[in-house]
Structures are given as C-alpha cells and as structure tokens.
C-alpha cells in the first residue's frame, strides 16, 4: 500500500499472496479472449486496463457497457500502436466518444503489458493482446483473484495514469 505521507508504494519485490485463487489459461486450447470478456462483463468494481495492442471492438463495447452500468473504466494504451495501427486508433476514438477515459502512454518507450485490473478483486494478466490475431497465437493468461494483489496493481496503474494524464495535458496530446 502507498505510504500515507508520500502516496508512494515502496518497490514491490517477491510479494507473497497466500490467499490467491489463480486460474491459468493457454491458447489455442482455451479461449482467453472469452475469459477476458467475461471478466469485464461481470466485474463488480471499477476496472483499469494497460494494453499494448487493442483492436477488439467487442471488448471495447463491453467496456462501454460496464461504464454505463456504473463500473468506471480507464484504459492506458501504447502510443506506438496508436500511431501505427488504424484499428487501435478506432478503438481509442470509440472509447473516448463513449465517455470511457483513455490515455496513450507517452511516458514509456513501449507499454508492453497486457493487464486488466478489477479494483479490490482480481488481476488478469498474460501475453495476449486484445486483438483478433492473439486468438490464433500461443499465449498464456493468469486470472489472479486476490484483493491484495489487485490493490498493488491498482496503485501502480494510478501512478502511471496520473503521470501520463499530466504529460498529455501539457503536450495537448490527442
């Protein structure tokens, strides 16, 4: 948890989460995209996503639906893919137009994580991007149900979101 004085989370190293319930998925045996969609559809709390490549309109629509159900969503995308892929720009524009807060990561040279955080609940992370192509590749996904771990990820996401938000306002980025 963050220090009450500074709001900074000490570097996390070797976190042990004894009460975690972990599900493991592999493609092509498992339909990992269906699991991610299910988590978004059933999330009981706000969600945050850090993603390298995001071109799934179905998932974008599920995020909008969650937001409309009162489950706030924030999405932090890789800026390189935004500039390189028209499909990622469409998702970004769609989410923004529907009122979902979305930022491009202008802080890092490459945002290569693929993580969905459900506040106080779970972390879904692994190798698949939120793309159609990821469905045919060899990928792995972990769904870790742990409030402790979800809060560590949530605070990390908040710090990155706030830094990117300030940077984009200063630069008047898209």
N, C-alpha and C. Protein backbone atom coordinates (compact mmCIF):
# COMPACT_ATOMS: atom_id res chain seq x y z
N UNK A 1 0.83 -1.17 0.00
CA UNK A 1 0.00 0.00 0.00
C UNK A 1 0.87 1.24 0.00
N UNK A 2 0.33 2.35 -0.50
CA UNK A 2 1.13 3.57 -0.54
C UNK A 2 1.41 4.11 0.87
N UNK A 3 2.53 4.77 1.00
CA UNK A 3 2.87 5.45 2.24
C UNK A 3 1.87 6.58 2.48
N UNK A 4 1.32 6.71 3.68
CA UNK A 4 0.36 7.79 3.94
C UNK A 4 0.98 9.17 3.76
N UNK A 5 2.28 9.27 4.02
CA UNK A 5 2.95 10.57 3.90
C UNK A 5 3.19 10.98 2.45
N UNK A 6 3.65 10.02 1.63
CA UNK A 6 4.08 10.37 0.28
C UNK A 6 3.13 9.88 -0.81
N UNK A 7 2.29 8.90 -0.49
CA UNK A 7 1.44 8.31 -1.50
C UNK A 7 2.18 7.36 -2.42
N UNK A 8 3.44 7.10 -2.12
CA UNK A 8 4.28 6.25 -2.97
C UNK A 8 4.27 4.83 -2.45
N UNK A 9 4.17 3.89 -3.35
CA UNK A 9 4.24 2.47 -2.99
C UNK A 9 5.71 2.07 -3.01
N UNK A 10 6.19 1.53 -1.90
CA UNK A 10 7.57 1.04 -1.93
C UNK A 10 7.71 -0.02 -3.01
N UNK A 11 8.89 -0.15 -3.56
CA UNK A 11 9.09 -1.16 -4.59
C UNK A 11 8.63 -2.51 -4.08
N UNK A 12 7.88 -3.19 -4.89
CA UNK A 12 7.33 -4.48 -4.52
C UNK A 12 8.27 -5.56 -5.04
N UNK A 13 8.68 -6.42 -4.15
CA UNK A 13 9.61 -7.47 -4.54
C UNK A 13 9.19 -8.76 -3.85
N UNK A 14 8.95 -9.78 -4.62
CA UNK A 14 8.63 -11.07 -4.04
C UNK A 14 7.37 -11.08 -3.21
N UNK A 15 6.32 -10.44 -3.69
CA UNK A 15 5.06 -10.41 -2.96
C UNK A 15 4.50 -11.82 -2.86
N UNK A 16 4.16 -12.20 -1.67
CA UNK A 16 3.52 -13.49 -1.45
C UNK A 16 2.04 -13.25 -1.22
N UNK A 17 1.23 -13.95 -1.97
CA UNK A 17 -0.22 -13.80 -1.86
C UNK A 17 -0.80 -15.18 -1.56
N UNK A 18 -0.78 -15.57 -0.28
CA UNK A 18 -1.19 -16.93 0.06
C UNK A 18 -2.66 -17.22 -0.18
N UNK A 19 -3.51 -16.23 -0.17
CA UNK A 19 -4.94 -16.46 -0.32
C UNK A 19 -5.43 -16.30 -1.76
N UNK A 20 -4.53 -16.21 -2.71
CA UNK A 20 -4.93 -16.00 -4.11
C UNK A 20 -5.53 -17.27 -4.71
N UNK A 21 -6.54 -17.05 -5.53
CA UNK A 21 -7.12 -18.11 -6.34
C UNK A 21 -6.67 -17.82 -7.77
N UNK A 22 -5.90 -18.70 -8.36
CA UNK A 22 -5.29 -18.45 -9.67
C UNK A 22 -5.82 -19.44 -10.69
N UNK A 23 -6.32 -18.89 -11.80
CA UNK A 23 -6.70 -19.72 -12.94
C UNK A 23 -5.69 -19.48 -14.05
N UNK A 24 -5.31 -20.55 -14.74
CA UNK A 24 -4.33 -20.48 -15.82
C UNK A 24 -5.01 -20.88 -17.12
N UNK A 25 -4.75 -20.09 -18.17
CA UNK A 25 -5.32 -20.36 -19.49
C UNK A 25 -4.21 -20.34 -20.53
N UNK A 26 -4.32 -21.20 -21.52
CA UNK A 26 -3.38 -21.23 -22.65
C UNK A 26 -4.17 -21.22 -23.95
N UNK A 27 -3.63 -20.55 -24.95
CA UNK A 27 -4.22 -20.65 -26.29
C UNK A 27 -3.30 -21.57 -27.09
N UNK A 28 -3.82 -22.24 -28.05
CA UNK A 28 -5.19 -22.16 -28.55
C UNK A 28 -6.18 -23.06 -27.81
N UNK A 29 -5.73 -23.81 -26.77
CA UNK A 29 -6.63 -24.73 -26.07
C UNK A 29 -7.81 -24.00 -25.42
N UNK A 30 -7.55 -22.86 -24.81
CA UNK A 30 -8.59 -22.09 -24.13
C UNK A 30 -8.89 -20.83 -24.92
N UNK A 31 -10.07 -20.37 -24.82
CA UNK A 31 -10.49 -19.12 -25.48
C UNK A 31 -10.24 -17.97 -24.50
N UNK A 32 -8.99 -17.50 -24.43
CA UNK A 32 -8.65 -16.49 -23.43
C UNK A 32 -9.43 -15.20 -23.65
N UNK A 33 -9.71 -14.85 -24.90
CA UNK A 33 -10.47 -13.62 -25.15
C UNK A 33 -11.87 -13.71 -24.55
N UNK A 34 -12.46 -14.90 -24.56
CA UNK A 34 -13.79 -15.08 -23.96
C UNK A 34 -13.72 -14.89 -22.45
N UNK A 35 -12.64 -15.35 -21.84
CA UNK A 35 -12.50 -15.17 -20.39
C UNK A 35 -12.34 -13.68 -20.06
N UNK A 36 -11.53 -12.97 -20.81
CA UNK A 36 -11.36 -11.54 -20.58
C UNK A 36 -12.70 -10.82 -20.73
N UNK A 37 -13.44 -11.16 -21.77
CA UNK A 37 -14.76 -10.56 -21.99
C UNK A 37 -15.70 -10.86 -20.81
N UNK A 38 -15.66 -12.08 -20.31
CA UNK A 38 -16.50 -12.47 -19.18
C UNK A 38 -16.14 -11.67 -17.93
N UNK A 39 -14.84 -11.50 -17.68
CA UNK A 39 -14.40 -10.72 -16.51
C UNK A 39 -14.92 -9.30 -16.61
N UNK A 40 -14.80 -8.68 -17.77
CA UNK A 40 -15.31 -7.31 -17.96
C UNK A 40 -16.82 -7.27 -17.75
N UNK A 41 -17.52 -8.23 -18.32
CA UNK A 41 -18.99 -8.26 -18.23
C UNK A 41 -19.48 -8.44 -16.80
N UNK A 42 -18.74 -9.16 -15.98
CA UNK A 42 -19.20 -9.48 -14.62
C UNK A 42 -18.47 -8.70 -13.53
N UNK A 43 -17.60 -7.79 -13.87
CA UNK A 43 -16.80 -7.07 -12.86
C UNK A 43 -17.69 -6.35 -11.85
N UNK A 44 -17.45 -6.58 -10.55
CA UNK A 44 -18.25 -5.92 -9.52
C UNK A 44 -17.70 -4.55 -9.11
N UNK A 45 -16.54 -4.19 -9.60
CA UNK A 45 -15.85 -2.96 -9.19
C UNK A 45 -15.30 -2.24 -10.42
N UNK A 46 -14.77 -1.01 -10.24
CA UNK A 46 -14.12 -0.30 -11.35
C UNK A 46 -12.97 -1.12 -11.94
N UNK A 47 -12.66 -0.82 -13.21
CA UNK A 47 -11.60 -1.55 -13.92
C UNK A 47 -10.57 -0.58 -14.50
N UNK A 48 -9.35 -1.09 -14.64
CA UNK A 48 -8.27 -0.36 -15.29
C UNK A 48 -7.55 -1.34 -16.21
N UNK A 49 -7.18 -0.86 -17.39
CA UNK A 49 -6.50 -1.70 -18.38
C UNK A 49 -5.24 -1.00 -18.85
N UNK A 50 -4.14 -1.74 -18.86
CA UNK A 50 -2.91 -1.32 -19.53
C UNK A 50 -2.72 -2.31 -20.66
N UNK A 51 -2.58 -1.79 -21.89
CA UNK A 51 -2.56 -2.71 -23.03
C UNK A 51 -1.65 -2.21 -24.14
N UNK A 52 -0.92 -3.14 -24.71
CA UNK A 52 -0.03 -2.86 -25.83
C UNK A 52 -0.81 -2.69 -27.13
N UNK A 53 -1.57 -3.71 -27.53
CA UNK A 53 -2.36 -3.65 -28.77
C UNK A 53 -3.81 -3.97 -28.43
N UNK A 54 -4.71 -3.11 -28.88
CA UNK A 54 -6.13 -3.25 -28.56
C UNK A 54 -6.92 -2.92 -29.82
N UNK A 55 -7.44 -3.97 -30.46
CA UNK A 55 -8.23 -3.76 -31.69
C UNK A 55 -9.58 -4.48 -31.62
N UNK A 56 -9.92 -5.05 -30.47
CA UNK A 56 -11.17 -5.80 -30.33
C UNK A 56 -12.34 -4.85 -30.06
N UNK A 57 -13.18 -4.65 -31.06
CA UNK A 57 -14.34 -3.79 -30.88
C UNK A 57 -15.32 -4.41 -29.89
N UNK A 58 -15.44 -5.73 -29.88
CA UNK A 58 -16.36 -6.38 -28.94
C UNK A 58 -15.95 -6.06 -27.51
N UNK A 59 -14.67 -6.15 -27.20
CA UNK A 59 -14.20 -5.84 -25.86
C UNK A 59 -14.41 -4.35 -25.56
N UNK A 60 -14.16 -3.49 -26.52
CA UNK A 60 -14.40 -2.05 -26.33
C UNK A 60 -15.86 -1.80 -26.00
N UNK A 61 -16.76 -2.48 -26.69
CA UNK A 61 -18.20 -2.32 -26.42
C UNK A 61 -18.56 -2.82 -25.03
N UNK A 62 -17.93 -3.90 -24.59
CA UNK A 62 -18.18 -4.42 -23.23
C UNK A 62 -17.67 -3.43 -22.18
N UNK A 63 -16.56 -2.76 -22.46
CA UNK A 63 -16.06 -1.75 -21.52
C UNK A 63 -17.03 -0.58 -21.42
N UNK A 64 -17.57 -0.16 -22.55
CA UNK A 64 -18.57 0.92 -22.56
C UNK A 64 -19.80 0.49 -21.77
N UNK A 65 -20.25 -0.73 -21.98
CA UNK A 65 -21.42 -1.24 -21.26
C UNK A 65 -21.15 -1.27 -19.75
N UNK A 66 -19.95 -1.67 -19.36
CA UNK A 66 -19.60 -1.69 -17.93
C UNK A 66 -19.63 -0.27 -17.37
N UNK A 67 -19.06 0.65 -18.12
CA UNK A 67 -19.06 2.06 -17.69
C UNK A 67 -20.50 2.55 -17.52
N UNK A 68 -21.36 2.18 -18.45
CA UNK A 68 -22.77 2.60 -18.40
C UNK A 68 -23.53 1.92 -17.25
N UNK A 69 -23.03 0.78 -16.78
CA UNK A 69 -23.62 0.10 -15.62
C UNK A 69 -23.10 0.66 -14.30
N UNK A 70 -22.24 1.68 -14.38
CA UNK A 70 -21.71 2.28 -13.16
C UNK A 70 -20.42 1.67 -12.67
N UNK A 71 -19.74 0.93 -13.54
CA UNK A 71 -18.43 0.37 -13.21
C UNK A 71 -17.38 1.15 -13.99
N UNK A 72 -16.83 2.21 -13.40
CA UNK A 72 -15.88 3.06 -14.14
C UNK A 72 -14.71 2.25 -14.72
N UNK A 73 -14.28 2.68 -15.89
CA UNK A 73 -13.22 2.02 -16.64
C UNK A 73 -12.21 3.08 -17.06
N UNK A 74 -10.93 2.75 -16.99
CA UNK A 74 -9.86 3.57 -17.56
C UNK A 74 -8.96 2.68 -18.38
N UNK A 75 -8.51 3.19 -19.53
CA UNK A 75 -7.67 2.40 -20.44
C UNK A 75 -6.41 3.20 -20.76
N UNK A 76 -5.25 2.59 -20.54
CA UNK A 76 -3.96 3.18 -20.91
C UNK A 76 -3.38 2.33 -22.02
N UNK A 77 -3.22 2.93 -23.22
CA UNK A 77 -2.75 2.20 -24.41
C UNK A 77 -1.34 2.61 -24.80
N UNK A 78 -0.67 1.71 -25.48
CA UNK A 78 0.64 2.01 -26.05
C UNK A 78 0.50 3.07 -27.14
N UNK A 79 1.29 4.12 -27.07
CA UNK A 79 1.19 5.20 -28.06
C UNK A 79 1.75 4.79 -29.42
N UNK A 80 2.73 3.89 -29.45
CA UNK A 80 3.29 3.45 -30.72
C UNK A 80 2.26 2.74 -31.58
N UNK A 81 1.46 1.89 -30.96
CA UNK A 81 0.41 1.20 -31.72
C UNK A 81 -0.70 2.16 -32.14
N UNK A 82 -0.95 3.17 -31.34
CA UNK A 82 -1.95 4.17 -31.73
C UNK A 82 -1.52 4.83 -33.04
N UNK A 83 -0.26 5.17 -33.15
CA UNK A 83 0.23 5.84 -34.36
C UNK A 83 0.40 4.88 -35.54
N UNK A 84 0.66 3.60 -35.26
CA UNK A 84 0.95 2.65 -36.33
C UNK A 84 -0.28 1.90 -36.84
N UNK A 85 -1.27 1.71 -36.00
CA UNK A 85 -2.41 0.86 -36.38
C UNK A 85 -3.70 1.67 -36.42
N UNK A 86 -4.31 1.71 -37.58
CA UNK A 86 -5.60 2.38 -37.73
C UNK A 86 -6.64 1.74 -36.81
N UNK A 87 -6.60 0.41 -36.67
CA UNK A 87 -7.58 -0.29 -35.83
C UNK A 87 -7.48 0.15 -34.37
N UNK A 88 -6.27 0.41 -33.88
CA UNK A 88 -6.11 0.87 -32.50
C UNK A 88 -6.62 2.31 -32.36
N UNK A 89 -6.41 3.13 -33.37
CA UNK A 89 -6.95 4.49 -33.34
C UNK A 89 -8.47 4.46 -33.30
N UNK A 90 -9.09 3.51 -34.03
CA UNK A 90 -10.56 3.38 -34.00
C UNK A 90 -11.06 3.05 -32.59
N UNK A 91 -10.37 2.13 -31.91
CA UNK A 91 -10.77 1.75 -30.55
C UNK A 91 -10.62 2.96 -29.63
N UNK A 92 -9.49 3.64 -29.72
CA UNK A 92 -9.24 4.83 -28.89
C UNK A 92 -10.36 5.86 -29.11
N UNK A 93 -10.65 6.16 -30.37
CA UNK A 93 -11.68 7.16 -30.70
C UNK A 93 -13.05 6.72 -30.22
N UNK A 94 -13.38 5.44 -30.41
CA UNK A 94 -14.66 4.90 -29.98
C UNK A 94 -14.81 5.04 -28.46
N UNK A 95 -13.80 4.59 -27.70
CA UNK A 95 -13.88 4.67 -26.25
C UNK A 95 -14.04 6.11 -25.78
N UNK A 96 -13.24 7.01 -26.34
CA UNK A 96 -13.34 8.43 -25.97
C UNK A 96 -14.73 8.97 -26.25
N UNK A 97 -15.25 8.67 -27.43
CA UNK A 97 -16.57 9.18 -27.83
C UNK A 97 -17.68 8.65 -26.92
N UNK A 98 -17.46 7.47 -26.34
CA UNK A 98 -18.46 6.87 -25.45
C UNK A 98 -18.25 7.26 -23.98
N UNK A 99 -17.27 8.12 -23.74
CA UNK A 99 -17.04 8.62 -22.38
C UNK A 99 -16.14 7.78 -21.51
N UNK A 100 -15.46 6.80 -22.11
CA UNK A 100 -14.51 5.99 -21.34
C UNK A 100 -13.17 6.72 -21.33
N UNK A 101 -12.62 7.04 -20.16
CA UNK A 101 -11.32 7.69 -20.11
C UNK A 101 -10.24 6.78 -20.70
N UNK A 102 -9.53 7.30 -21.68
CA UNK A 102 -8.46 6.55 -22.33
C UNK A 102 -7.29 7.49 -22.58
N UNK A 103 -6.10 7.01 -22.28
CA UNK A 103 -4.88 7.77 -22.49
C UNK A 103 -3.88 6.93 -23.27
N UNK A 104 -3.00 7.63 -23.95
CA UNK A 104 -1.86 6.97 -24.60
C UNK A 104 -0.67 7.09 -23.67
N UNK A 105 0.10 6.01 -23.57
CA UNK A 105 1.29 6.03 -22.72
C UNK A 105 2.40 6.77 -23.45
N UNK A 106 2.60 8.02 -23.08
CA UNK A 106 3.67 8.82 -23.70
C UNK A 106 4.90 8.84 -22.80
N UNK A 107 4.79 8.20 -21.66
CA UNK A 107 5.88 8.19 -20.70
C UNK A 107 6.93 7.13 -21.02
N UNK A 108 6.48 5.97 -21.44
CA UNK A 108 7.39 4.85 -21.69
C UNK A 108 7.65 4.71 -23.19
N UNK A 109 8.80 4.16 -23.53
CA UNK A 109 9.08 3.93 -24.95
C UNK A 109 8.21 2.81 -25.50
N UNK A 110 7.74 1.93 -24.62
CA UNK A 110 6.90 0.80 -25.05
C UNK A 110 6.07 0.34 -23.86
N UNK A 111 4.77 0.37 -24.00
CA UNK A 111 3.86 -0.18 -22.99
C UNK A 111 3.56 -1.61 -23.43
N UNK A 112 4.26 -2.56 -22.85
CA UNK A 112 4.17 -3.93 -23.35
C UNK A 112 3.39 -4.85 -22.43
N UNK A 113 2.70 -4.31 -21.44
CA UNK A 113 1.90 -5.14 -20.56
C UNK A 113 0.52 -5.36 -21.15
N UNK A 114 -0.12 -6.39 -20.69
CA UNK A 114 -1.49 -6.70 -21.10
C UNK A 114 -2.22 -7.09 -19.82
N UNK A 115 -2.74 -6.09 -19.13
CA UNK A 115 -3.28 -6.30 -17.79
C UNK A 115 -4.64 -5.65 -17.63
N UNK A 116 -5.56 -6.40 -17.06
CA UNK A 116 -6.88 -5.93 -16.67
C UNK A 116 -6.96 -6.04 -15.16
N UNK A 117 -7.23 -4.92 -14.50
CA UNK A 117 -7.33 -4.90 -13.04
C UNK A 117 -8.77 -4.60 -12.68
N UNK A 118 -9.34 -5.43 -11.83
CA UNK A 118 -10.65 -5.14 -11.26
C UNK A 118 -10.38 -4.76 -9.81
N UNK A 119 -10.64 -3.51 -9.49
CA UNK A 119 -10.28 -2.96 -8.18
C UNK A 119 -10.78 -3.86 -7.05
N UNK A 120 -9.90 -4.07 -6.08
CA UNK A 120 -10.20 -4.87 -4.88
C UNK A 120 -10.56 -6.32 -5.16
N UNK A 121 -10.33 -6.80 -6.38
CA UNK A 121 -10.85 -8.11 -6.73
C UNK A 121 -9.83 -9.03 -7.38
N UNK A 122 -9.32 -8.63 -8.57
CA UNK A 122 -8.52 -9.56 -9.36
C UNK A 122 -7.62 -8.81 -10.32
N UNK A 123 -6.62 -9.54 -10.82
CA UNK A 123 -5.72 -9.09 -11.88
C UNK A 123 -5.73 -10.17 -12.94
N UNK A 124 -6.00 -9.78 -14.18
CA UNK A 124 -5.95 -10.70 -15.31
C UNK A 124 -4.81 -10.22 -16.19
N UNK A 125 -3.78 -11.04 -16.30
CA UNK A 125 -2.57 -10.59 -17.00
C UNK A 125 -1.92 -11.77 -17.72
N UNK A 126 -1.20 -11.47 -18.76
CA UNK A 126 -0.52 -12.51 -19.53
C UNK A 126 0.00 -11.96 -20.83
N UNK A 127 0.17 -12.84 -21.79
CA UNK A 127 0.78 -12.42 -23.05
C UNK A 127 -0.20 -11.96 -24.13
N UNK A 128 -1.49 -12.31 -24.10
CA UNK A 128 -2.33 -11.91 -25.24
C UNK A 128 -2.68 -10.43 -25.25
N UNK A 129 -2.55 -9.86 -26.44
CA UNK A 129 -3.09 -8.53 -26.68
C UNK A 129 -4.59 -8.66 -26.89
N UNK A 130 -5.29 -7.55 -26.91
CA UNK A 130 -6.74 -7.57 -27.13
C UNK A 130 -6.99 -7.39 -28.62
N UNK A 131 -6.58 -8.42 -29.38
CA UNK A 131 -6.67 -8.41 -30.83
C UNK A 131 -7.20 -9.75 -31.33
N UNK A 132 -7.68 -9.75 -32.56
CA UNK A 132 -8.14 -10.99 -33.17
C UNK A 132 -6.96 -11.95 -33.39
N UNK A 133 -5.81 -11.41 -33.76
CA UNK A 133 -4.64 -12.23 -34.03
C UNK A 133 -4.20 -13.03 -32.80
N UNK A 134 -4.39 -12.46 -31.61
CA UNK A 134 -3.97 -13.16 -30.39
C UNK A 134 -4.74 -14.47 -30.19
N UNK A 135 -5.90 -14.58 -30.82
CA UNK A 135 -6.71 -15.80 -30.67
C UNK A 135 -6.06 -17.01 -31.33
N UNK A 136 -5.19 -16.79 -32.30
CA UNK A 136 -4.58 -17.90 -33.03
C UNK A 136 -3.13 -18.12 -32.64
N UNK A 137 -2.61 -17.29 -31.76
CA UNK A 137 -1.22 -17.42 -31.34
C UNK A 137 -1.13 -18.25 -30.06
N UNK A 138 0.06 -18.69 -29.73
CA UNK A 138 0.30 -19.39 -28.47
C UNK A 138 0.47 -18.32 -27.41
N UNK A 139 -0.46 -18.28 -26.47
CA UNK A 139 -0.49 -17.25 -25.44
C UNK A 139 -0.78 -17.89 -24.09
N UNK A 140 -0.56 -17.15 -23.02
CA UNK A 140 -0.94 -17.61 -21.69
C UNK A 140 -1.59 -16.46 -20.94
N UNK A 141 -2.47 -16.80 -20.02
CA UNK A 141 -3.21 -15.81 -19.25
C UNK A 141 -3.37 -16.32 -17.83
N UNK A 142 -3.18 -15.42 -16.87
CA UNK A 142 -3.42 -15.73 -15.47
C UNK A 142 -4.55 -14.84 -14.98
N UNK A 143 -5.52 -15.43 -14.32
CA UNK A 143 -6.57 -14.69 -13.64
C UNK A 143 -6.33 -14.92 -12.16
N UNK A 144 -5.86 -13.87 -11.49
CA UNK A 144 -5.46 -13.98 -10.09
C UNK A 144 -6.48 -13.24 -9.23
N UNK A 145 -7.26 -13.99 -8.51
CA UNK A 145 -8.27 -13.39 -7.62
C UNK A 145 -7.61 -13.17 -6.27
N UNK A 146 -7.26 -11.90 -6.02
CA UNK A 146 -6.60 -11.52 -4.78
C UNK A 146 -6.79 -10.03 -4.57
N UNK A 147 -7.56 -9.64 -3.56
CA UNK A 147 -7.71 -8.20 -3.29
C UNK A 147 -6.37 -7.51 -3.04
N UNK A 148 -5.46 -8.18 -2.34
CA UNK A 148 -4.15 -7.59 -2.04
C UNK A 148 -3.38 -7.30 -3.33
N UNK A 149 -3.29 -8.28 -4.20
CA UNK A 149 -2.57 -8.09 -5.45
C UNK A 149 -3.28 -7.07 -6.35
N UNK A 150 -4.61 -7.13 -6.40
CA UNK A 150 -5.37 -6.17 -7.20
C UNK A 150 -5.08 -4.74 -6.73
N UNK A 151 -4.98 -4.54 -5.44
CA UNK A 151 -4.71 -3.19 -4.92
C UNK A 151 -3.30 -2.73 -5.24
N UNK A 152 -2.32 -3.63 -5.22
CA UNK A 152 -0.95 -3.27 -5.62
C UNK A 152 -0.94 -2.83 -7.09
N UNK A 153 -1.58 -3.61 -7.95
CA UNK A 153 -1.66 -3.25 -9.37
C UNK A 153 -2.45 -1.95 -9.56
N UNK A 154 -3.54 -1.79 -8.81
CA UNK A 154 -4.38 -0.59 -8.94
C UNK A 154 -3.57 0.67 -8.62
N UNK A 155 -2.80 0.63 -7.53
CA UNK A 155 -2.00 1.80 -7.16
C UNK A 155 -0.91 2.07 -8.19
N UNK A 156 -0.31 1.03 -8.72
CA UNK A 156 0.69 1.19 -9.78
C UNK A 156 0.04 1.86 -11.01
N UNK A 157 -1.14 1.35 -11.39
CA UNK A 157 -1.85 1.93 -12.52
C UNK A 157 -2.18 3.40 -12.25
N UNK A 158 -2.68 3.73 -11.08
CA UNK A 158 -2.99 5.12 -10.74
C UNK A 158 -1.79 6.04 -10.94
N UNK A 159 -0.63 5.62 -10.47
CA UNK A 159 0.57 6.45 -10.63
C UNK A 159 0.88 6.66 -12.11
N UNK A 160 0.82 5.59 -12.90
CA UNK A 160 1.13 5.71 -14.33
C UNK A 160 0.07 6.56 -15.03
N UNK A 161 -1.20 6.37 -14.68
CA UNK A 161 -2.30 7.15 -15.27
C UNK A 161 -2.09 8.64 -14.99
N UNK A 162 -1.80 8.97 -13.74
CA UNK A 162 -1.64 10.38 -13.36
C UNK A 162 -0.46 11.02 -14.07
N UNK A 163 0.65 10.32 -14.18
CA UNK A 163 1.82 10.88 -14.89
C UNK A 163 1.50 11.08 -16.36
N UNK A 164 0.85 10.12 -17.00
CA UNK A 164 0.51 10.25 -18.41
C UNK A 164 -0.55 11.31 -18.63
N UNK A 165 -1.47 11.45 -17.70
CA UNK A 165 -2.51 12.48 -17.81
C UNK A 165 -1.88 13.88 -17.79
N UNK A 166 -0.96 14.10 -16.87
CA UNK A 166 -0.26 15.40 -16.80
C UNK A 166 0.55 15.65 -18.07
N UNK A 167 1.26 14.62 -18.54
CA UNK A 167 2.09 14.78 -19.73
C UNK A 167 1.25 15.09 -20.96
N UNK A 168 0.09 14.43 -21.09
CA UNK A 168 -0.75 14.67 -22.26
C UNK A 168 -1.42 16.03 -22.21
N UNK A 169 -1.81 16.48 -21.02
CA UNK A 169 -2.39 17.83 -20.92
C UNK A 169 -1.34 18.88 -21.30
N UNK A 170 -0.12 18.68 -20.83
CA UNK A 170 0.95 19.64 -21.11
C UNK A 170 1.27 19.68 -22.60
N UNK A 171 1.23 18.53 -23.26
CA UNK A 171 1.59 18.45 -24.67
C UNK A 171 0.38 18.60 -25.59
N UNK A 172 -0.80 18.67 -25.01
CA UNK A 172 -2.05 18.70 -25.78
C UNK A 172 -2.09 17.50 -26.75
N UNK A 173 -1.76 16.34 -26.19
CA UNK A 173 -1.73 15.09 -26.96
C UNK A 173 -3.15 14.66 -27.24
N UNK A 174 -3.38 13.84 -28.29
CA UNK A 174 -4.69 13.74 -28.94
C UNK A 174 -5.78 14.05 -28.01
